[in-house]
Amino acid sequence: VQLQASGGGLVQAGGSLRLSCAASGLTFSNYDMAWFRQAPGKEREFVAVISWGGRSTSYADSVKGRFTISRDNYKNTLYLQMNSLKSEDTAVYYCAAGRRFGRSTENYDHWGQGTQVTVSS
């Protein structure tokens, strides 16, 4: 199983980025998919999750209304559109695949390598 996250970078506060996570080695459409992030010195935290069919989503309060999670099961790809970025969004962002829709890292069996997002104020 491989989850390849990309799209991170340096952006000014108020700007936008779109992260992608390309999946291979698993039946992508069978898995709930999530984004987590980890800032230096902090624990990994939940950002957003989308169900296997894309009908259900859930967001952390800190990103609700600014971030949108989506997926394309034909392309085996997960996305995170991030708008109105803030300095506190600076972190390494990880995509994850699991079979239990939820906000805990324990719900996810497979993890990507992470992509760095840096928001300058």
PDB file of N, CA and C in Angstrom:
ATOM      1  N   VAL A   1       0.848  -1.184   0.000  1.00  0.00           N
ATOM      2  CA  VAL A   1       0.000   0.000   0.000  1.00  0.00           C
ATOM      3  C   VAL A   1       0.892   1.246   0.000  1.00  0.00           C
ATOM      4  N   GLN A   2       0.536   2.176  -0.866  1.00  0.00           N
ATOM      5  CA  GLN A   2       1.280   3.432  -0.902  1.00  0.00           C
ATOM      6  C   GLN A   2       0.307   4.600  -0.997  1.00  0.00           C
ATOM      7  N   LEU A   3       0.496   5.573  -0.107  1.00  0.00           N
ATOM      8  CA  LEU A   3      -0.256   6.817  -0.136  1.00  0.00           C
ATOM      9  C   LEU A   3       0.758   7.935  -0.326  1.00  0.00           C
ATOM     10  N   GLN A   4       0.657   8.609  -1.462  1.00  0.00           N
ATOM     11  CA  GLN A   4       1.639   9.630  -1.819  1.00  0.00           C
ATOM     12  C   GLN A   4       0.979  11.012  -1.744  1.00  0.00           C
ATOM     13  N   ALA A   5       1.305  11.756  -0.696  1.00  0.00           N
ATOM     14  CA  ALA A   5       0.750  13.105  -0.531  1.00  0.00           C
ATOM     15  C   ALA A   5       1.614  14.119  -1.257  1.00  0.00           C
ATOM     16  N   SER A   6       0.951  15.116  -1.819  1.00  0.00           N
ATOM     17  CA  SER A   6       1.663  16.181  -2.531  1.00  0.00           C
ATOM     18  C   SER A   6       0.847  17.458  -2.484  1.00  0.00           C
ATOM     19  N   GLY A   7       1.457  18.545  -2.938  1.00  0.00           N
ATOM     20  CA  GLY A   7       0.749  19.810  -3.020  1.00  0.00           C
ATOM     21  C   GLY A   7       1.075  20.815  -1.942  1.00  0.00           C
ATOM     22  N   GLY A   8       1.866  20.415  -0.978  1.00  0.00           N
ATOM     23  CA  GLY A   8       2.242  21.342   0.077  1.00  0.00           C
ATOM     24  C   GLY A   8       3.183  22.414  -0.445  1.00  0.00           C
ATOM     25  N   GLY A   9       3.438  23.408   0.407  1.00  0.00           N
ATOM     26  CA  GLY A   9       4.340  24.481   0.021  1.00  0.00           C
ATOM     27  C   GLY A   9       4.243  25.647   0.968  1.00  0.00           C
ATOM     28  N   LEU A  10       4.830  26.756   0.542  1.00  0.00           N
ATOM     29  CA  LEU A  10       4.826  27.986   1.314  1.00  0.00           C
ATOM     30  C   LEU A  10       3.783  28.936   0.722  1.00  0.00           C
ATOM     31  N   VAL A  11       2.920  29.451   1.585  1.00  0.00           N
ATOM     32  CA  VAL A  11       1.849  30.339   1.127  1.00  0.00           C
ATOM     33  C   VAL A  11       1.653  31.431   2.166  1.00  0.00           C
ATOM     34  N   GLN A  12       1.211  32.585   1.724  1.00  0.00           N
ATOM     35  CA  GLN A  12       0.934  33.671   2.652  1.00  0.00           C
ATOM     36  C   GLN A  12      -0.412  33.452   3.336  1.00  0.00           C
ATOM     37  N   ALA A  13      -0.536  34.006   4.509  1.00  0.00           N
ATOM     38  CA  ALA A  13      -1.812  33.939   5.223  1.00  0.00           C
ATOM     39  C   ALA A  13      -2.921  34.505   4.348  1.00  0.00           C
ATOM     40  N   GLY A  14      -4.047  33.795   4.346  1.00  0.00           N
ATOM     41  CA  GLY A  14      -5.163  34.164   3.499  1.00  0.00           C
ATOM     42  C   GLY A  14      -5.174  33.469   2.161  1.00  0.00           C
ATOM     43  N   GLY A  15      -4.083  32.809   1.831  1.00  0.00           N
ATOM     44  CA  GLY A  15      -3.965  32.114   0.562  1.00  0.00           C
ATOM     45  C   GLY A  15      -4.588  30.731   0.582  1.00  0.00           C
ATOM     46  N   SER A  16      -4.392  30.015  -0.523  1.00  0.00           N
ATOM     47  CA  SER A  16      -4.993  28.693  -0.698  1.00  0.00           C
ATOM     48  C   SER A  16      -3.963  27.692  -1.195  1.00  0.00           C
ATOM     49  N   LEU A  17      -4.205  26.444  -0.862  1.00  0.00           N
ATOM     50  CA  LEU A  17      -3.441  25.310  -1.380  1.00  0.00           C
ATOM     51  C   LEU A  17      -4.395  24.150  -1.568  1.00  0.00           C
ATOM     52  N   ARG A  18      -4.061  23.259  -2.496  1.00  0.00           N
ATOM     53  CA  ARG A  18      -4.805  22.013  -2.621  1.00  0.00           C
ATOM     54  C   ARG A  18      -3.834  20.848  -2.498  1.00  0.00           C
ATOM     55  N   LEU A  19      -4.077  20.025  -1.506  1.00  0.00           N
ATOM     56  CA  LEU A  19      -3.280  18.821  -1.301  1.00  0.00           C
ATOM     57  C   LEU A  19      -3.926  17.657  -2.045  1.00  0.00           C
ATOM     58  N   SER A  20      -3.082  16.759  -2.511  1.00  0.00           N
ATOM     59  CA  SER A  20      -3.546  15.526  -3.151  1.00  0.00           C
ATOM     60  C   SER A  20      -2.885  14.338  -2.469  1.00  0.00           C
ATOM     61  N   CYS A  21      -3.553  13.215  -2.529  1.00  0.00           N
ATOM     62  CA  CYS A  21      -3.010  11.972  -1.982  1.00  0.00           C
ATOM     63  C   CYS A  21      -3.357  10.867  -2.961  1.00  0.00           C
ATOM     64  N   ALA A  22      -2.357  10.372  -3.670  1.00  0.00           N
ATOM     65  CA  ALA A  22      -2.551   9.320  -4.646  1.00  0.00           C
ATOM     66  C   ALA A  22      -2.357   7.969  -3.973  1.00  0.00           C
ATOM     67  N   ALA A  23      -3.337   7.094  -4.116  1.00  0.00           N
ATOM     68  CA  ALA A  23      -3.317   5.799  -3.449  1.00  0.00           C
ATOM     69  C   ALA A  23      -3.067   4.679  -4.444  1.00  0.00           C
ATOM     70  N   SER A  24      -2.308   3.695  -4.006  1.00  0.00           N
ATOM     71  CA  SER A  24      -2.080   2.510  -4.820  1.00  0.00           C
ATOM     72  C   SER A  24      -1.891   1.315  -3.898  1.00  0.00           C
ATOM     73  N   GLY A  25      -2.140   0.125  -4.435  1.00  0.00           N
ATOM     74  CA  GLY A  25      -1.943  -1.089  -3.653  1.00  0.00           C
ATOM     75  C   GLY A  25      -3.101  -1.444  -2.746  1.00  0.00           C
ATOM     76  N   LEU A  26      -4.202  -0.721  -2.869  1.00  0.00           N
ATOM     77  CA  LEU A  26      -5.404  -1.028  -2.099  1.00  0.00           C
ATOM     78  C   LEU A  26      -6.619  -0.685  -2.943  1.00  0.00           C
ATOM     79  N   THR A  27      -7.757  -1.251  -2.564  1.00  0.00           N
ATOM     80  CA  THR A  27      -9.004  -0.914  -3.251  1.00  0.00           C
ATOM     81  C   THR A  27      -9.506   0.382  -2.637  1.00  0.00           C
ATOM     82  N   PHE A  28      -9.133   1.477  -3.261  1.00  0.00           N
ATOM     83  CA  PHE A  28      -9.335   2.812  -2.703  1.00  0.00           C
ATOM     84  C   PHE A  28     -10.790   3.057  -2.322  1.00  0.00           C
ATOM     85  N   SER A  29     -11.708   2.625  -3.150  1.00  0.00           N
ATOM     86  CA  SER A  29     -13.122   2.911  -2.927  1.00  0.00           C
ATOM     87  C   SER A  29     -13.692   2.156  -1.734  1.00  0.00           C
ATOM     88  N   ASN A  30     -12.932   1.241  -1.152  1.00  0.00           N
ATOM     89  CA  ASN A  30     -13.384   0.508   0.030  1.00  0.00           C
ATOM     90  C   ASN A  30     -12.993   1.189   1.341  1.00  0.00           C
ATOM     91  N   TYR A  31     -12.187   2.249   1.240  1.00  0.00           N
ATOM     92  CA  TYR A  31     -11.603   2.860   2.432  1.00  0.00           C
ATOM     93  C   TYR A  31     -12.146   4.261   2.706  1.00  0.00           C
ATOM     94  N   ASP A  32     -12.411   4.518   3.987  1.00  0.00           N
ATOM     95  CA  ASP A  32     -12.576   5.889   4.430  1.00  0.00           C
ATOM     96  C   ASP A  32     -11.198   6.544   4.407  1.00  0.00           C
ATOM     97  N   MET A  33     -11.178   7.832   4.044  1.00  0.00           N
ATOM     98  CA  MET A  33      -9.903   8.528   3.906  1.00  0.00           C
ATOM     99  C   MET A  33      -9.897   9.798   4.749  1.00  0.00           C
ATOM    100  N   ALA A  34      -8.755  10.104   5.307  1.00  0.00           N
ATOM    101  CA  ALA A  34      -8.673  11.250   6.206  1.00  0.00           C
ATOM    102  C   ALA A  34      -7.377  12.022   6.010  1.00  0.00           C
ATOM    103  N   TRP A  35      -7.414  13.250   6.462  1.00  0.00           N
ATOM    104  CA  TRP A  35      -6.219  14.087   6.564  1.00  0.00           C
ATOM    105  C   TRP A  35      -5.972  14.375   8.043  1.00  0.00           C
ATOM    106  N   PHE A  36      -4.729  14.259   8.423  1.00  0.00           N
ATOM    107  CA  PHE A  36      -4.258  14.662   9.737  1.00  0.00           C
ATOM    108  C   PHE A  36      -3.106  15.637   9.528  1.00  0.00           C
ATOM    109  N   ARG A  37      -2.741  16.316  10.592  1.00  0.00           N
ATOM    110  CA  ARG A  37      -1.584  17.196  10.499  1.00  0.00           C
ATOM    111  C   ARG A  37      -0.815  17.181  11.820  1.00  0.00           C
ATOM    112  N   GLN A  38       0.465  17.510  11.709  1.00  0.00           N
ATOM    113  CA  GLN A  38       1.306  17.537  12.898  1.00  0.00           C
ATOM    114  C   GLN A  38       2.247  18.722  12.811  1.00  0.00           C
ATOM    115  N   ALA A  39       2.118  19.619  13.773  1.00  0.00           N
ATOM    116  CA  ALA A  39       3.001  20.775  13.874  1.00  0.00           C
ATOM    117  C   ALA A  39       4.180  20.419  14.767  1.00  0.00           C
ATOM    118  N   PRO A  40       5.284  21.126  14.635  1.00  0.00           N
ATOM    119  CA  PRO A  40       6.467  20.820  15.463  1.00  0.00           C
ATOM    120  C   PRO A  40       6.138  20.867  16.947  1.00  0.00           C
ATOM    121  N   GLY A  41       6.524  19.822  17.651  1.00  0.00           N
ATOM    122  CA  GLY A  41       6.315  19.769  19.086  1.00  0.00           C
ATOM    123  C   GLY A  41       4.907  19.435  19.519  1.00  0.00           C
ATOM    124  N   LYS A  42       4.041  19.130  18.554  1.00  0.00           N
ATOM    125  CA  LYS A  42       2.648  18.823  18.881  1.00  0.00           C
ATOM    126  C   LYS A  42       2.287  17.421  18.415  1.00  0.00           C
ATOM    127  N   GLU A  43       1.204  16.907  18.965  1.00  0.00           N
ATOM    128  CA  GLU A  43       0.726  15.608  18.545  1.00  0.00           C
ATOM    129  C   GLU A  43       0.016  15.718  17.189  1.00  0.00           C
ATOM    130  N   ARG A  44      -0.051  14.599  16.506  1.00  0.00           N
ATOM    131  CA  ARG A  44      -0.784  14.556  15.251  1.00  0.00           C
ATOM    132  C   ARG A  44      -2.269  14.771  15.535  1.00  0.00           C
ATOM    133  N   GLU A  45      -2.901  15.641  14.762  1.00  0.00           N
ATOM    134  CA  GLU A  45      -4.295  15.952  15.002  1.00  0.00           C
ATOM    135  C   GLU A  45      -5.151  15.755  13.757  1.00  0.00           C
ATOM    136  N   PHE A  46      -6.388  15.415  13.997  1.00  0.00           N
ATOM    137  CA  PHE A  46      -7.358  15.204  12.945  1.00  0.00           C
ATOM    138  C   PHE A  46      -7.683  16.509  12.233  1.00  0.00           C
ATOM    139  N   VAL A  47      -7.844  16.431  10.904  1.00  0.00           N
ATOM    140  CA  VAL A  47      -8.246  17.590  10.105  1.00  0.00           C
ATOM    141  C   VAL A  47      -9.608  17.341   9.463  1.00  0.00           C
ATOM    142  N   ALA A  48      -9.721  16.247   8.695  1.00  0.00           N
ATOM    143  CA  ALA A  48     -10.965  15.975   7.973  1.00  0.00           C
ATOM    144  C   ALA A  48     -11.003  14.519   7.562  1.00  0.00           C
ATOM    145  N   VAL A  49     -12.220  14.000   7.371  1.00  0.00           N
ATOM    146  CA  VAL A  49     -12.403  12.623   6.935  1.00  0.00           C
ATOM    147  C   VAL A  49     -13.557  12.579   5.935  1.00  0.00           C
ATOM    148  N   ILE A  50     -13.456  11.644   5.007  1.00  0.00           N
ATOM    149  CA  ILE A  50     -14.513  11.426   4.015  1.00  0.00           C
ATOM    150  C   ILE A  50     -14.768   9.927   3.931  1.00  0.00           C
ATOM    151  N   SER A  51     -16.041   9.563   3.845  1.00  0.00           N
ATOM    152  CA  SER A  51     -16.385   8.151   3.795  1.00  0.00           C
ATOM    153  C   SER A  51     -16.005   7.545   2.456  1.00  0.00           C
ATOM    154  N   TRP A  52     -16.047   6.217   2.389  1.00  0.00           N
ATOM    155  CA  TRP A  52     -15.569   5.504   1.207  1.00  0.00           C
ATOM    156  C   TRP A  52     -16.284   5.941  -0.062  1.00  0.00           C
ATOM    157  N   GLY A  53     -17.573   6.257   0.040  1.00  0.00           N
ATOM    158  CA  GLY A  53     -18.345   6.659  -1.131  1.00  0.00           C
ATOM    159  C   GLY A  53     -18.414   8.162  -1.322  1.00  0.00           C
ATOM    160  N   GLY A  54     -17.866   8.898  -0.372  1.00  0.00           N
ATOM    161  CA  GLY A  54     -17.854  10.350  -0.480  1.00  0.00           C
ATOM    162  C   GLY A  54     -19.085  11.036   0.059  1.00  0.00           C
ATOM    163  N   ARG A  55     -20.032  10.284   0.615  1.00  0.00           N
ATOM    164  CA  ARG A  55     -21.291  10.904   1.041  1.00  0.00           C
ATOM    165  C   ARG A  55     -21.192  11.573   2.398  1.00  0.00           C
ATOM    166  N   SER A  56     -20.275  11.121   3.229  1.00  0.00           N
ATOM    167  CA  SER A  56     -20.146  11.683   4.581  1.00  0.00           C
ATOM    168  C   SER A  56     -18.779  12.314   4.761  1.00  0.00           C
ATOM    169  N   THR A  57     -18.768  13.469   5.390  1.00  0.00           N
ATOM    170  CA  THR A  57     -17.522  14.147   5.720  1.00  0.00           C
ATOM    171  C   THR A  57     -17.615  14.687   7.148  1.00  0.00           C
ATOM    172  N   SER A  58     -16.471  14.934   7.721  1.00  0.00           N
ATOM    173  CA  SER A  58     -16.403  15.538   9.047  1.00  0.00           C
ATOM    174  C   SER A  58     -15.119  16.339   9.126  1.00  0.00           C
ATOM    175  N   TYR A  59     -15.196  17.461   9.839  1.00  0.00           N
ATOM    176  CA  TYR A  59     -14.050  18.373   9.904  1.00  0.00           C
ATOM    177  C   TYR A  59     -13.748  18.747  11.350  1.00  0.00           C
ATOM    178  N   ALA A  60     -12.487  19.022  11.610  1.00  0.00           N
ATOM    179  CA  ALA A  60     -12.111  19.623  12.876  1.00  0.00           C
ATOM    180  C   ALA A  60     -12.697  21.032  12.923  1.00  0.00           C
ATOM    181  N   ASP A  61     -13.076  21.470  14.102  1.00  0.00           N
ATOM    182  CA  ASP A  61     -13.662  22.798  14.243  1.00  0.00           C
ATOM    183  C   ASP A  61     -12.719  23.885  13.729  1.00  0.00           C
ATOM    184  N   SER A  62     -11.431  23.663  13.887  1.00  0.00           N
ATOM    185  CA  SER A  62     -10.444  24.673  13.516  1.00  0.00           C
ATOM    186  C   SER A  62     -10.365  24.917  12.006  1.00  0.00           C
ATOM    187  N   VAL A  63     -10.870  23.985  11.204  1.00  0.00           N
ATOM    188  CA  VAL A  63     -10.782  24.135   9.741  1.00  0.00           C
ATOM    189  C   VAL A  63     -12.146  24.195   9.075  1.00  0.00           C
ATOM    190  N   LYS A  64     -13.192  23.982   9.830  1.00  0.00           N
ATOM    191  CA  LYS A  64     -14.541  23.954   9.260  1.00  0.00           C
ATOM    192  C   LYS A  64     -14.849  25.287   8.584  1.00  0.00           C
ATOM    193  N   GLY A  65     -15.367  25.204   7.355  1.00  0.00           N
ATOM    194  CA  GLY A  65     -15.684  26.407   6.603  1.00  0.00           C
ATOM    195  C   GLY A  65     -14.529  26.934   5.769  1.00  0.00           C
ATOM    196  N   ARG A  66     -13.331  26.419   6.023  1.00  0.00           N
ATOM    197  CA  ARG A  66     -12.155  26.866   5.250  1.00  0.00           C
ATOM    198  C   ARG A  66     -11.573  25.742   4.392  1.00  0.00           C
ATOM    199  N   PHE A  67     -11.653  24.507   4.898  1.00  0.00           N
ATOM    200  CA  PHE A  67     -11.090  23.357   4.196  1.00  0.00           C
ATOM    201  C   PHE A  67     -12.224  22.491   3.647  1.00  0.00           C
ATOM    202  N   THR A  68     -11.955  21.846   2.510  1.00  0.00           N
ATOM    203  CA  THR A  68     -12.911  20.913   1.923  1.00  0.00           C
ATOM    204  C   THR A  68     -12.192  19.636   1.513  1.00  0.00           C
ATOM    205  N   ILE A  69     -12.665  18.515   2.027  1.00  0.00           N
ATOM    206  CA  ILE A  69     -12.116  17.224   1.662  1.00  0.00           C
ATOM    207  C   ILE A  69     -12.975  16.620   0.555  1.00  0.00           C
ATOM    208  N   SER A  70     -12.319  15.970  -0.405  1.00  0.00           N
ATOM    209  CA  SER A  70     -13.040  15.319  -1.491  1.00  0.00           C
ATOM    210  C   SER A  70     -12.213  14.152  -1.995  1.00  0.00           C
ATOM    211  N   ARG A  71     -12.818  13.336  -2.827  1.00  0.00           N
ATOM    212  CA  ARG A  71     -12.110  12.179  -3.372  1.00  0.00           C
ATOM    213  C   ARG A  71     -12.626  11.872  -4.758  1.00  0.00           C
ATOM    214  N   ASP A  72     -11.763  11.232  -5.541  1.00  0.00           N
ATOM    215  CA  ASP A  72     -12.122  10.744  -6.865  1.00  0.00           C
ATOM    216  C   ASP A  72     -11.778   9.261  -6.878  1.00  0.00           C
ATOM    217  N   ASN A  73     -12.787   8.419  -6.765  1.00  0.00           N
ATOM    218  CA  ASN A  73     -12.545   6.976  -6.683  1.00  0.00           C
ATOM    219  C   ASN A  73     -12.114   6.384  -8.026  1.00  0.00           C
ATOM    220  N   TYR A  74     -12.314   7.095  -9.113  1.00  0.00           N
ATOM    221  CA  TYR A  74     -11.831   6.618 -10.406  1.00  0.00           C
ATOM    222  C   TYR A  74     -10.332   6.880 -10.549  1.00  0.00           C
ATOM    223  N   LYS A  75      -9.868   7.963  -9.924  1.00  0.00           N
ATOM    224  CA  LYS A  75      -8.455   8.307  -9.978  1.00  0.00           C
ATOM    225  C   LYS A  75      -7.685   7.840  -8.747  1.00  0.00           C
ATOM    226  N   ASN A  76      -8.378   7.195  -7.799  1.00  0.00           N
ATOM    227  CA  ASN A  76      -7.745   6.736  -6.561  1.00  0.00           C
ATOM    228  C   ASN A  76      -7.004   7.878  -5.855  1.00  0.00           C
ATOM    229  N   THR A  77      -7.654   9.009  -5.800  1.00  0.00           N
ATOM    230  CA  THR A  77      -7.006  10.198  -5.256  1.00  0.00           C
ATOM    231  C   THR A  77      -7.906  10.907  -4.252  1.00  0.00           C
ATOM    232  N   LEU A  78      -7.294  11.344  -3.177  1.00  0.00           N
ATOM    233  CA  LEU A  78      -7.930  12.128  -2.124  1.00  0.00           C
ATOM    234  C   LEU A  78      -7.427  13.558  -2.228  1.00  0.00           C
ATOM    235  N   TYR A  79      -8.286  14.520  -1.908  1.00  0.00           N
ATOM    236  CA  TYR A  79      -7.914  15.929  -1.990  1.00  0.00           C
ATOM    237  C   TYR A  79      -8.251  16.657  -0.689  1.00  0.00           C
ATOM    238  N   LEU A  80      -7.533  17.758  -0.475  1.00  0.00           N
ATOM    239  CA  LEU A  80      -7.884  18.689   0.592  1.00  0.00           C
ATOM    240  C   LEU A  80      -7.688  20.095   0.055  1.00  0.00           C
ATOM    241  N   GLN A  81      -8.790  20.782  -0.192  1.00  0.00           N
ATOM    242  CA  GLN A  81      -8.733  22.177  -0.610  1.00  0.00           C
ATOM    243  C   GLN A  81      -8.685  23.040   0.642  1.00  0.00           C
ATOM    244  N   MET A  82      -7.642  23.846   0.756  1.00  0.00           N
ATOM    245  CA  MET A  82      -7.439  24.671   1.944  1.00  0.00           C
ATOM    246  C   MET A  82      -7.483  26.140   1.540  1.00  0.00           C
ATOM    247  N   ASN A  83      -8.455  26.848   2.047  1.00  0.00           N
ATOM    248  CA  ASN A  83      -8.623  28.279   1.761  1.00  0.00           C
ATOM    249  C   ASN A  83      -8.467  29.082   3.040  1.00  0.00           C
ATOM    250  N   SER A  84      -8.259  30.370   2.874  1.00  0.00           N
ATOM    251  CA  SER A  84      -8.133  31.280   4.024  1.00  0.00           C
ATOM    252  C   SER A  84      -7.133  30.745   5.037  1.00  0.00           C
ATOM    253  N   LEU A  85      -5.993  30.351   4.550  1.00  0.00           N
ATOM    254  CA  LEU A  85      -4.993  29.725   5.412  1.00  0.00           C
ATOM    255  C   LEU A  85      -4.479  30.690   6.466  1.00  0.00           C
ATOM    256  N   LYS A  86      -4.190  30.122   7.633  1.00  0.00           N
ATOM    257  CA  LYS A  86      -3.682  30.881   8.774  1.00  0.00           C
ATOM    258  C   LYS A  86      -2.324  30.316   9.175  1.00  0.00           C
ATOM    259  N   SER A  87      -1.570  31.115   9.922  1.00  0.00           N
ATOM    260  CA  SER A  87      -0.252  30.649  10.350  1.00  0.00           C
ATOM    261  C   SER A  87      -0.362  29.384  11.190  1.00  0.00           C
ATOM    262  N   GLU A  88      -1.449  29.250  11.934  1.00  0.00           N
ATOM    263  CA  GLU A  88      -1.614  28.063  12.773  1.00  0.00           C
ATOM    264  C   GLU A  88      -1.948  26.799  11.978  1.00  0.00           C
ATOM    265  N   ASP A  89      -2.136  26.935  10.672  1.00  0.00           N
ATOM    266  CA  ASP A  89      -2.315  25.754   9.822  1.00  0.00           C
ATOM    267  C   ASP A  89      -0.974  25.152   9.410  1.00  0.00           C
ATOM    268  N   THR A  90       0.112  25.807   9.742  1.00  0.00           N
ATOM    269  CA  THR A  90       1.440  25.306   9.405  1.00  0.00           C
ATOM    270  C   THR A  90       1.685  23.963  10.088  1.00  0.00           C
ATOM    271  N   ALA A  91       1.992  22.955   9.278  1.00  0.00           N
ATOM    272  CA  ALA A  91       2.182  21.596   9.784  1.00  0.00           C
ATOM    273  C   ALA A  91       2.570  20.686   8.626  1.00  0.00           C
ATOM    274  N   VAL A  92       2.955  19.479   8.978  1.00  0.00           N
ATOM    275  CA  VAL A  92       3.054  18.415   7.980  1.00  0.00           C
ATOM    276  C   VAL A  92       1.687  17.749   7.910  1.00  0.00           C
ATOM    277  N   TYR A  93       1.168  17.619   6.702  1.00  0.00           N
ATOM    278  CA  TYR A  93      -0.154  17.048   6.492  1.00  0.00           C
ATOM    279  C   TYR A  93      -0.011  15.620   5.975  1.00  0.00           C
ATOM    280  N   TYR A  94      -0.748  14.714   6.616  1.00  0.00           N
ATOM    281  CA  TYR A  94      -0.700  13.296   6.280  1.00  0.00           C
ATOM    282  C   TYR A  94      -2.067  12.816   5.810  1.00  0.00           C
ATOM    283  N   CYS A  95      -2.079  11.991   4.775  1.00  0.00           N
ATOM    284  CA  CYS A  95      -3.317  11.309   4.408  1.00  0.00           C
ATOM    285  C   CYS A  95      -3.293   9.904   4.993  1.00  0.00           C
ATOM    286  N   ALA A  96      -4.478   9.367   5.241  1.00  0.00           N
ATOM    287  CA  ALA A  96      -4.584   8.068   5.888  1.00  0.00           C
ATOM    288  C   ALA A  96      -5.801   7.329   5.356  1.00  0.00           C
ATOM    289  N   ALA A  97      -5.695   6.004   5.328  1.00  0.00           N
ATOM    290  CA  ALA A  97      -6.780   5.140   4.858  1.00  0.00           C
ATOM    291  C   ALA A  97      -7.171   4.168   5.949  1.00  0.00           C
ATOM    292  N   GLY A  98      -8.470   4.003   6.139  1.00  0.00           N
ATOM    293  CA  GLY A  98      -8.942   3.077   7.156  1.00  0.00           C
ATOM    294  C   GLY A  98     -10.347   2.615   6.861  1.00  0.00           C
ATOM    295  N   ARG A  99     -10.836   1.715   7.698  1.00  0.00           N
ATOM    296  CA  ARG A  99     -12.176   1.165   7.489  1.00  0.00           C
ATOM    297  C   ARG A  99     -13.150   1.568   8.590  1.00  0.00           C
ATOM    298  N   ARG A 100     -12.707   2.466   9.465  1.00  0.00           N
ATOM    299  CA  ARG A 100     -13.591   2.940  10.528  1.00  0.00           C
ATOM    300  C   ARG A 100     -13.627   4.459  10.501  1.00  0.00           C
ATOM    301  N   PHE A 101     -14.693   4.989   9.958  1.00  0.00           N
ATOM    302  CA  PHE A 101     -14.869   6.439   9.826  1.00  0.00           C
ATOM    303  C   PHE A 101     -14.737   7.084  11.205  1.00  0.00           C
ATOM    304  N   GLY A 102     -13.802   8.014  11.327  1.00  0.00           N
ATOM    305  CA  GLY A 102     -13.663   8.647  12.627  1.00  0.00           C
ATOM    306  C   GLY A 102     -12.492   9.600  12.678  1.00  0.00           C
ATOM    307  N   ARG A 103     -12.243  10.141  13.881  1.00  0.00           N
ATOM    308  CA  ARG A 103     -11.242  11.185  14.070  1.00  0.00           C
ATOM    309  C   ARG A 103      -9.973  10.710  14.767  1.00  0.00           C
ATOM    310  N   SER A 104      -9.945   9.469  15.146  1.00  0.00           N
ATOM    311  CA  SER A 104      -8.783   8.954  15.868  1.00  0.00           C
ATOM    312  C   SER A 104      -7.753   8.379  14.897  1.00  0.00           C
ATOM    313  N   THR A 105      -6.483   8.596  15.212  1.00  0.00           N
ATOM    314  CA  THR A 105      -5.437   7.980  14.382  1.00  0.00           C
ATOM    315  C   THR A 105      -5.545   6.454  14.406  1.00  0.00           C
ATOM    316  N   GLU A 106      -6.123   5.921  15.466  1.00  0.00           N
ATOM    317  CA  GLU A 106      -6.240   4.469  15.588  1.00  0.00           C
ATOM    318  C   GLU A 106      -7.223   3.874  14.580  1.00  0.00           C
ATOM    319  N   ASN A 107      -8.047   4.698  13.956  1.00  0.00           N
ATOM    320  CA  ASN A 107      -9.014   4.216  12.974  1.00  0.00           C
ATOM    321  C   ASN A 107      -8.369   3.920  11.622  1.00  0.00           C
ATOM    322  N   TYR A 108      -7.090   4.290  11.447  1.00  0.00           N
ATOM    323  CA  TYR A 108      -6.478   4.266  10.127  1.00  0.00           C
ATOM    324  C   TYR A 108      -5.284   3.317  10.090  1.00  0.00           C
ATOM    325  N   ASP A 109      -5.263   2.507   9.049  1.00  0.00           N
ATOM    326  CA  ASP A 109      -4.281   1.443   8.926  1.00  0.00           C
ATOM    327  C   ASP A 109      -3.082   1.830   8.065  1.00  0.00           C
ATOM    328  N   HIS A 110      -3.310   2.744   7.148  1.00  0.00           N
ATOM    329  CA  HIS A 110      -2.264   3.090   6.183  1.00  0.00           C
ATOM    330  C   HIS A 110      -2.077   4.599   6.157  1.00  0.00           C
ATOM    331  N   TRP A 111      -0.804   5.007   6.101  1.00  0.00           N
ATOM    332  CA  TRP A 111      -0.462   6.421   6.181  1.00  0.00           C
ATOM    333  C   TRP A 111       0.483   6.812   5.060  1.00  0.00           C
ATOM    334  N   GLY A 112       0.306   8.040   4.588  1.00  0.00           N
ATOM    335  CA  GLY A 112       1.245   8.608   3.627  1.00  0.00           C
ATOM    336  C   GLY A 112       2.447   9.204   4.336  1.00  0.00           C
ATOM    337  N   GLN A 113       3.371   9.707   3.546  1.00  0.00           N
ATOM    338  CA  GLN A 113       4.626  10.207   4.095  1.00  0.00           C
ATOM    339  C   GLN A 113       4.543  11.650   4.571  1.00  0.00           C
ATOM    340  N   GLY A 114       3.503  12.361   4.215  1.00  0.00           N
ATOM    341  CA  GLY A 114       3.344  13.735   4.661  1.00  0.00           C
ATOM    342  C   GLY A 114       3.844  14.751   3.656  1.00  0.00           C
ATOM    343  N   THR A 115       3.210  15.913   3.672  1.00  0.00           N
ATOM    344  CA  THR A 115       3.630  17.031   2.836  1.00  0.00           C
ATOM    345  C   THR A 115       3.587  18.291   3.702  1.00  0.00           C
ATOM    346  N   GLN A 116       4.628  19.092   3.607  1.00  0.00           N
ATOM    347  CA  GLN A 116       4.768  20.255   4.476  1.00  0.00           C
ATOM    348  C   GLN A 116       3.943  21.429   3.941  1.00  0.00           C
ATOM    349  N   VAL A 117       3.165  22.018   4.830  1.00  0.00           N
ATOM    350  CA  VAL A 117       2.444  23.253   4.532  1.00  0.00           C
ATOM    351  C   VAL A 117       2.948  24.324   5.484  1.00  0.00           C
ATOM    352  N   THR A 118       3.422  25.424   4.932  1.00  0.00           N
ATOM    353  CA  THR A 118       3.916  26.534   5.739  1.00  0.00           C
ATOM    354  C   THR A 118       3.170  27.800   5.341  1.00  0.00           C
ATOM    355  N   VAL A 119       2.539  28.406   6.333  1.00  0.00           N
ATOM    356  CA  VAL A 119       1.768  29.626   6.096  1.00  0.00           C
ATOM    357  C   VAL A 119       2.485  30.779   6.780  1.00  0.00           C
ATOM    358  N   SER A 120       2.885  31.742   6.000  1.00  0.00           N
ATOM    359  CA  SER A 120       3.596  32.897   6.550  1.00  0.00           C
ATOM    360  C   SER A 120       2.603  34.016   6.861  1.00  0.00           C
ATOM    361  N   SER A 121       2.828  34.659   7.994  1.00  0.00           N
ATOM    362  CA  SER A 121       1.900  35.720   8.420  1.00  0.00           C
ATOM    363  C   SER A 121       2.411  37.086   7.991  1.00  0.00           C
TER     364      SER A 121
END
